[in-house]
Amino acid sequence: MKTKNFDKQFDDDAIDIIDSLDLSTAKRPNQTHKRVNVDFPSWMVESLDKEASRIGVTRQSIIKVWLAERLEQSTL
């Protein structure tokens, strides 16, 4: 589909443009993953687990969110 037609579909809001996309090749910039290992003291792991359980997420999720928040703050 040509860009002009795609833009027209988007502007007209006639059909869902998602159906016109091939999402199998979509990539999010700066979102590649790299595995790292970090050692935490037991008390910290227990605190992380307690907080993660309280809000209903995994330990990994809470670590990633908190680190992202901190990194965003430091760039302001």
C-alpha atoms as a PDB file:
ATOM      1  CA  MET A   1       0.000   0.000   0.000  1.00  0.00           C
ATOM      2  CA  LYS A   2       1.289   3.421  -0.864  1.00  0.00           C
ATOM      3  CA  THR A   3       1.894   5.937   1.883  1.00  0.00           C
ATOM      4  CA  LYS A   4      -0.702   8.284   0.436  1.00  0.00           C
ATOM      5  CA  ASN A   5      -3.414   5.594   0.729  1.00  0.00           C
ATOM      6  CA  PHE A   6      -2.287   4.637   4.227  1.00  0.00           C
ATOM      7  CA  ASP A   7      -2.404   8.279   5.348  1.00  0.00           C
ATOM      8  CA  LYS A   8      -5.872   8.656   3.849  1.00  0.00           C
ATOM      9  CA  GLN A   9      -7.119   5.597   5.755  1.00  0.00           C
ATOM     10  CA  PHE A  10      -5.659   7.008   8.951  1.00  0.00           C
ATOM     11  CA  ASP A  11      -7.147  10.449   8.364  1.00  0.00           C
ATOM     12  CA  ASP A  12     -10.563   9.110   7.336  1.00  0.00           C
ATOM     13  CA  ASP A  13     -10.658   6.800  10.342  1.00  0.00           C
ATOM     14  CA  ALA A  14     -12.711   4.552   8.087  1.00  0.00           C
ATOM     15  CA  ILE A  15     -10.948   1.293   8.902  1.00  0.00           C
ATOM     16  CA  ASP A  16      -8.530   0.126  11.514  1.00  0.00           C
ATOM     17  CA  ILE A  17      -5.058   0.801  10.105  1.00  0.00           C
ATOM     18  CA  ILE A  18      -3.584  -2.016  12.206  1.00  0.00           C
ATOM     19  CA  ASP A  19      -5.027  -4.454   9.681  1.00  0.00           C
ATOM     20  CA  SER A  20      -2.877  -2.762   7.030  1.00  0.00           C
ATOM     21  CA  LEU A  21       0.389  -3.287   8.933  1.00  0.00           C
ATOM     22  CA  ASP A  22       2.754  -6.246   9.017  1.00  0.00           C
ATOM     23  CA  LEU A  23       3.558  -6.305  12.731  1.00  0.00           C
ATOM     24  CA  SER A  24       5.749  -9.405  12.432  1.00  0.00           C
ATOM     25  CA  THR A  25       8.679  -7.185  11.442  1.00  0.00           C
ATOM     26  CA  ALA A  26       7.903  -4.267  13.763  1.00  0.00           C
ATOM     27  CA  LYS A  27      10.694  -3.210  16.097  1.00  0.00           C
ATOM     28  CA  ARG A  28      10.758  -0.802  19.002  1.00  0.00           C
ATOM     29  CA  PRO A  29      13.816   1.461  19.009  1.00  0.00           C
ATOM     30  CA  ASN A  30      16.119   1.111  22.008  1.00  0.00           C
ATOM     31  CA  GLN A  31      14.162  -1.892  23.251  1.00  0.00           C
ATOM     32  CA  THR A  32      16.574  -4.740  22.548  1.00  0.00           C
ATOM     33  CA  HIS A  33      17.200  -6.869  25.596  1.00  0.00           C
ATOM     34  CA  LYS A  34      20.511  -7.633  27.220  1.00  0.00           C
ATOM     35  CA  ARG A  35      20.722 -10.006  30.138  1.00  0.00           C
ATOM     36  CA  VAL A  36      22.609  -8.886  33.238  1.00  0.00           C
ATOM     37  CA  ASN A  37      23.209 -10.551  36.573  1.00  0.00           C
ATOM     38  CA  VAL A  38      23.009  -8.558  39.772  1.00  0.00           C
ATOM     39  CA  ASP A  39      23.593  -9.826  43.295  1.00  0.00           C
ATOM     40  CA  PHE A  40      21.373  -8.346  46.010  1.00  0.00           C
ATOM     41  CA  PRO A  41      21.517  -8.879  49.758  1.00  0.00           C
ATOM     42  CA  SER A  42      18.794 -11.175  51.121  1.00  0.00           C
ATOM     43  CA  TRP A  43      16.954  -8.367  52.885  1.00  0.00           C
ATOM     44  CA  MET A  44      16.686  -6.473  49.591  1.00  0.00           C
ATOM     45  CA  VAL A  45      15.305  -9.488  47.719  1.00  0.00           C
ATOM     46  CA  GLU A  46      12.758 -10.033  50.481  1.00  0.00           C
ATOM     47  CA  SER A  47      11.708  -6.378  50.336  1.00  0.00           C
ATOM     48  CA  LEU A  48      11.457  -6.508  46.546  1.00  0.00           C
ATOM     49  CA  ASP A  49       9.358  -9.667  46.710  1.00  0.00           C
ATOM     50  CA  LYS A  50       7.069  -8.162  49.329  1.00  0.00           C
ATOM     51  CA  GLU A  51       6.474  -5.005  47.298  1.00  0.00           C
ATOM     52  CA  ALA A  52       6.091  -6.930  44.036  1.00  0.00           C
ATOM     53  CA  SER A  53       3.510  -9.192  45.673  1.00  0.00           C
ATOM     54  CA  ARG A  54       1.679  -6.211  47.124  1.00  0.00           C
ATOM     55  CA  ILE A  55       1.164  -4.634  43.709  1.00  0.00           C
ATOM     56  CA  GLY A  56       0.793  -7.943  41.842  1.00  0.00           C
ATOM     57  CA  VAL A  57       3.870  -7.997  39.624  1.00  0.00           C
ATOM     58  CA  THR A  58       7.034 -10.067  39.414  1.00  0.00           C
ATOM     59  CA  ARG A  59      10.300  -9.158  41.092  1.00  0.00           C
ATOM     60  CA  GLN A  60      11.886  -8.572  37.684  1.00  0.00           C
ATOM     61  CA  SER A  61       9.091  -6.206  36.687  1.00  0.00           C
ATOM     62  CA  ILE A  62       9.394  -4.048  39.778  1.00  0.00           C
ATOM     63  CA  ILE A  63      13.177  -3.836  39.417  1.00  0.00           C
ATOM     64  CA  LYS A  64      12.842  -2.779  35.770  1.00  0.00           C
ATOM     65  CA  VAL A  65      10.177  -0.168  36.526  1.00  0.00           C
ATOM     66  CA  TRP A  66      12.075   1.319  39.458  1.00  0.00           C
ATOM     67  CA  LEU A  67      15.340   1.462  37.514  1.00  0.00           C
ATOM     68  CA  ALA A  68      13.613   3.057  34.530  1.00  0.00           C
ATOM     69  CA  GLU A  69      12.007   5.677  36.794  1.00  0.00           C
ATOM     70  CA  ARG A  70      15.339   6.485  38.406  1.00  0.00           C
ATOM     71  CA  LEU A  71      17.125   6.733  35.074  1.00  0.00           C
ATOM     72  CA  GLU A  72      14.425   9.030  33.699  1.00  0.00           C
ATOM     73  CA  GLN A  73      14.759  11.276  36.763  1.00  0.00           C
ATOM     74  CA  SER A  74      18.507  11.504  36.381  1.00  0.00           C
ATOM     75  CA  THR A  75      18.235  12.674  32.776  1.00  0.00           C
ATOM     76  CA  LEU A  76      15.963  15.614  33.649  1.00  0.00           C
END
